[in-house]
């Protein structure tokens, strides 16, 4: 379970990495401790064993469920209460491995981004994506 803590700073807000939640075995209920605090999310995917930042939609991360939970726990309202728009960033590849092996047939970053966005639009239709 994600512990609840408070930080007395106008400059610290919560960011949630969906792939990290998956590796830690945390379900959507763990996000309830962060209700009203999350203003940013990293959409990442992996096999549940290592933080690999795989191609979105190819791992076991329950991306739709996590995003719906973030919406339920007020990511939009929390961000706007601090004067910012809620943001989710797609996170794929890593500094150590780059994009090698992510999509199998391509290492083109534009094609990999298109595949990730296509997956998200198909599987999480409530998302608004600025491409």
Protein backbone atom coordinates (compact mmCIF):
# COMPACT_ATOMS: atom_id res chain seq x y z
CA UNK A 1 0.00 0.00 0.00
CA UNK A 2 1.28 3.44 -0.90
CA UNK A 3 1.86 5.35 2.35
CA UNK A 4 0.20 8.72 2.80
CA UNK A 5 2.53 11.56 3.64
CA UNK A 6 2.41 15.30 3.57
CA UNK A 7 5.10 17.67 2.43
CA UNK A 8 4.81 21.31 3.43
CA UNK A 9 5.87 22.84 0.13
CA UNK A 10 4.15 24.80 -2.59
CA UNK A 11 6.51 23.17 -5.11
CA UNK A 12 6.02 19.43 -4.51
CA UNK A 13 3.15 17.52 -6.09
CA UNK A 14 2.57 13.85 -6.80
CA UNK A 15 3.57 12.06 -9.99
CA UNK A 16 2.44 8.48 -10.50
CA UNK A 17 4.26 6.03 -12.76
CA UNK A 18 1.87 3.29 -13.86
CA UNK A 19 4.66 0.83 -14.65
CA UNK A 20 6.15 1.29 -11.18
CA UNK A 21 2.75 0.50 -9.65
CA UNK A 22 2.66 -2.68 -11.73
CA UNK A 23 6.15 -3.80 -10.66
CA UNK A 24 5.25 -3.15 -7.01
CA UNK A 25 2.05 -5.19 -7.39
CA UNK A 26 -0.13 -2.26 -6.36
CA UNK A 27 -3.74 -2.26 -7.49
CA UNK A 28 -5.85 0.76 -8.25
CA UNK A 29 -7.00 1.01 -4.64
CA UNK A 30 -3.47 2.05 -3.67
CA UNK A 31 -4.07 5.34 -5.48
CA UNK A 32 -6.75 6.29 -2.95
CA UNK A 33 -3.99 7.51 -0.59
CA UNK A 34 -3.05 10.04 -3.24
CA UNK A 35 -6.55 11.35 -3.84
CA UNK A 36 -6.43 15.03 -4.68
CA UNK A 37 -2.62 15.10 -4.83
CA UNK A 38 -1.64 13.65 -8.21
CA UNK A 39 -1.19 16.17 -11.03
CA UNK A 40 1.05 14.17 -13.38
CA UNK A 41 1.35 10.55 -14.51
CA UNK A 42 3.85 8.51 -16.48
CA UNK A 43 2.15 5.98 -18.71
CA UNK A 44 4.59 3.10 -18.91
CA UNK A 45 4.33 -0.65 -19.35
CA UNK A 46 6.29 -3.73 -18.31
CA UNK A 47 5.88 -7.40 -17.47
CA UNK A 48 5.33 -6.78 -13.76
CA UNK A 49 8.84 -7.90 -12.84
CA UNK A 50 11.11 -5.07 -14.00
CA UNK A 51 10.72 -1.40 -14.90
CA UNK A 52 11.45 -1.86 -18.61
CA UNK A 53 9.32 0.95 -20.09
CA UNK A 54 8.16 -1.39 -22.82
CA UNK A 55 5.97 -0.48 -25.77
CA UNK A 56 2.64 0.64 -24.30
CA UNK A 57 0.14 -2.21 -24.52
CA UNK A 58 2.63 -5.06 -24.72
CA UNK A 59 3.06 -5.72 -21.00
CA UNK A 60 0.85 -6.56 -18.04
CA UNK A 61 0.33 -3.06 -16.63
CA UNK A 62 -3.42 -2.45 -16.22
CA UNK A 63 -3.12 0.95 -17.90
CA UNK A 64 -6.83 1.61 -18.40
CA UNK A 65 -7.67 0.69 -14.81
CA UNK A 66 -4.91 2.92 -13.42
CA UNK A 67 -5.94 5.87 -15.60
CA UNK A 68 -9.59 5.45 -14.65
CA UNK A 69 -8.57 5.35 -10.97
CA UNK A 70 -6.52 8.54 -11.39
CA UNK A 71 -9.58 10.17 -12.94
CA UNK A 72 -11.78 8.87 -10.10
CA UNK A 73 -9.34 10.17 -7.50
CA UNK A 74 -9.33 13.63 -9.03
CA UNK A 75 -6.17 14.13 -11.09
CA UNK A 76 -7.99 16.81 -13.13
CA UNK A 77 -9.34 18.66 -10.11
CA UNK A 78 -6.06 18.44 -8.20
CA UNK A 79 -4.01 19.80 -11.10
CA UNK A 80 -6.39 22.65 -11.77
CA UNK A 81 -6.45 23.56 -8.07
CA UNK A 82 -2.73 24.29 -8.45
CA UNK A 83 -3.27 26.26 -11.66
CA UNK A 84 -1.96 23.62 -14.05
CA UNK A 85 -3.47 21.16 -16.50
CA UNK A 86 -3.16 17.45 -15.62
CA UNK A 87 -0.51 15.81 -17.77
CA UNK A 88 0.32 12.21 -18.57
CA UNK A 89 3.55 11.44 -20.40
CA UNK A 90 4.16 8.29 -22.38
CA UNK A 91 7.39 6.74 -21.16
CA UNK A 92 9.05 4.14 -23.41
CA UNK A 93 12.60 2.87 -23.68
CA UNK A 94 15.44 3.70 -21.34
CA UNK A 95 18.82 5.37 -21.34
CA UNK A 96 20.54 2.01 -21.08
CA UNK A 97 18.63 0.14 -23.81
CA UNK A 98 17.19 2.94 -25.92
CA UNK A 99 14.39 1.81 -28.22
CA UNK A 100 16.03 -1.45 -29.25
CA UNK A 101 13.63 -4.37 -29.20
CA UNK A 102 10.61 -2.31 -28.12
CA UNK A 103 8.56 -2.70 -31.26
CA UNK A 104 10.40 -5.57 -32.89
CA UNK A 105 10.15 -4.36 -36.47
CA UNK A 106 11.13 -0.71 -35.94
CA UNK A 107 13.31 1.56 -33.85
CA UNK A 108 11.80 4.70 -35.38
CA UNK A 109 10.73 6.89 -32.44
CA UNK A 110 7.85 8.43 -34.40
CA UNK A 111 6.43 5.01 -35.26
CA UNK A 112 6.83 3.83 -31.66
CA UNK A 113 5.03 6.95 -30.43
CA UNK A 114 2.23 6.37 -32.98
CA UNK A 115 1.79 2.79 -31.75
CA UNK A 116 1.65 3.90 -28.13
CA UNK A 117 -0.87 6.66 -28.82
CA UNK A 118 -2.95 4.31 -31.00
CA UNK A 119 -3.10 1.78 -28.17
CA UNK A 120 -4.14 4.42 -25.66
CA UNK A 121 -6.84 5.87 -27.90
CA UNK A 122 -8.22 2.38 -28.51
CA UNK A 123 -8.03 1.11 -24.93
CA UNK A 124 -8.63 4.30 -22.93
CA UNK A 125 -11.08 6.27 -25.09
CA UNK A 126 -11.70 8.89 -22.38
CA UNK A 127 -8.17 10.24 -22.78
CA UNK A 128 -7.61 13.52 -24.57
CA UNK A 129 -4.32 13.23 -26.40
CA UNK A 130 -2.43 16.13 -27.93
CA UNK A 131 -0.19 14.49 -30.49
